[in-house]
Amino acid sequence: MRVPVMQAHAESVNREFENLLDEDTARDIRKKAPGVVVIDDHTANNFPTPLEVSNKDDVAVGRISRDVSQEGNYGLDIFVCSDKKCKEAVLNAVQIAELLL
């Protein structure tokens, strides 16, 4: 599901993996990824929102949880927010060009 808004947007992403991947490992992997910030505090009910990522270059991920609809515990649900203008329209093109040069 993609939710369009004025400045930033949010997506609920469902991933299925070949091998088991628990929530804590997924969080650790995301925390180490450049350009990604993890906002995932289930106790305090603190998760990414489009408002938090507006005018920021980083992509925020959170609500990392086991997808109970998939057999074998091979799926995760992840909520992702990013600024449309900063990250998607300009920064991605610059980052791709930097990799190619």
Protein backbone atom coordinates (compact mmCIF):
# COMPACT_ATOMS: atom_id res chain seq x y z
CA MET A 1 0.00 0.00 0.00
CA ARG A 2 1.34 3.44 -0.87
CA VAL A 3 -0.10 6.52 0.80
CA PRO A 4 0.47 9.73 -1.20
CA VAL A 5 0.90 12.99 0.69
CA MET A 6 2.15 16.49 -0.12
CA GLN A 7 5.80 16.27 0.91
CA ALA A 8 6.61 12.68 1.76
CA HIS A 9 5.00 9.31 1.44
CA ALA A 10 4.77 6.01 3.24
CA GLU A 11 4.67 2.40 2.10
CA SER A 12 3.84 -0.81 3.86
CA VAL A 13 6.29 -3.37 2.46
CA ASN A 14 5.90 -7.12 2.77
CA ARG A 15 9.04 -9.20 2.13
CA GLU A 16 9.51 -12.94 1.89
CA PHE A 17 12.99 -14.45 2.31
CA GLU A 18 14.56 -17.80 1.46
CA ASN A 19 16.09 -18.04 4.94
CA LEU A 20 14.74 -17.09 8.35
CA LEU A 21 15.29 -13.45 9.26
CA ASP A 22 14.13 -12.30 12.68
CA GLU A 23 13.04 -8.75 13.48
CA ASP A 24 16.15 -7.86 15.51
CA THR A 25 18.51 -8.95 12.73
CA ALA A 26 16.46 -7.01 10.18
CA ARG A 27 16.66 -3.91 12.41
CA ASP A 28 20.44 -4.27 12.76
CA ILE A 29 20.87 -4.63 8.98
CA ARG A 30 18.77 -1.53 8.35
CA LYS A 31 20.64 0.49 11.00
CA LYS A 32 23.92 -0.18 9.17
CA ALA A 33 22.56 0.78 5.74
CA PRO A 34 23.66 4.20 4.50
CA GLY A 35 20.82 6.69 4.12
CA VAL A 36 18.47 4.73 6.38
CA VAL A 37 17.27 5.62 9.86
CA VAL A 38 15.37 3.10 11.98
CA ILE A 39 12.45 4.41 14.03
CA ASP A 40 11.03 1.27 15.56
CA ASP A 41 10.07 1.48 19.22
CA HIS A 42 7.06 -0.77 19.78
CA THR A 43 6.96 -0.04 23.53
CA ALA A 44 6.67 3.73 23.06
CA ASN A 45 4.56 3.35 19.89
CA ASN A 46 7.18 5.37 17.98
CA PHE A 47 7.33 4.62 14.26
CA PRO A 48 8.20 6.59 11.10
CA THR A 49 5.70 9.07 9.71
CA PRO A 50 5.79 11.22 6.57
CA LEU A 51 5.96 14.31 8.77
CA GLU A 52 9.20 13.11 10.40
CA VAL A 53 10.97 12.56 7.07
CA SER A 54 9.84 15.77 5.37
CA ASN A 55 12.83 17.79 4.13
CA LYS A 56 15.26 15.02 5.11
CA ASP A 57 17.48 12.88 2.89
CA ASP A 58 17.28 9.66 4.90
CA VAL A 59 14.64 6.97 4.43
CA ALA A 60 12.96 5.97 7.71
CA VAL A 61 11.98 2.36 8.38
CA GLY A 62 10.00 0.90 11.25
CA ARG A 63 7.15 -1.35 12.33
CA ILE A 64 9.45 -4.27 11.52
CA SER A 65 7.47 -7.35 12.46
CA ARG A 66 6.98 -10.99 11.56
CA ASP A 67 4.43 -11.55 8.79
CA VAL A 68 2.14 -14.13 10.34
CA SER A 69 0.29 -14.67 7.05
CA GLN A 70 3.26 -16.49 5.49
CA GLU A 71 4.08 -20.08 6.30
CA GLY A 72 7.39 -20.90 7.95
CA ASN A 73 8.13 -17.45 9.41
CA TYR A 74 10.01 -16.36 6.28
CA GLY A 75 8.23 -13.04 5.91
CA LEU A 76 8.56 -9.58 7.44
CA ASP A 77 6.37 -6.50 7.31
CA ILE A 78 8.21 -3.16 7.21
CA PHE A 79 6.88 0.41 7.13
CA VAL A 80 8.94 2.87 5.05
CA CYS A 81 8.72 6.68 4.78
CA SER A 82 10.73 9.08 2.63
CA ASP A 83 10.60 12.64 1.36
CA LYS A 84 9.50 12.74 -2.28
CA LYS A 85 11.53 15.80 -3.21
CA CYS A 86 14.73 15.22 -1.23
CA LYS A 87 15.23 11.49 -1.60
CA GLU A 88 13.30 10.40 -4.61
CA ALA A 89 13.44 13.27 -7.05
CA VAL A 90 17.00 14.50 -6.64
CA LEU A 91 19.15 12.57 -4.21
CA ASN A 92 18.64 9.17 -5.84
CA ALA A 93 19.79 10.52 -9.21
CA VAL A 94 22.91 12.07 -7.64
CA GLN A 95 23.73 8.90 -5.68
CA ILE A 96 23.35 6.72 -8.78
CA ALA A 97 25.56 9.09 -10.80
CA GLU A 98 28.21 8.99 -8.07
CA LEU A 99 28.25 5.19 -8.21
CA LEU A 100 28.67 5.25 -11.98
CA LEU A 101 31.57 7.72 -11.97
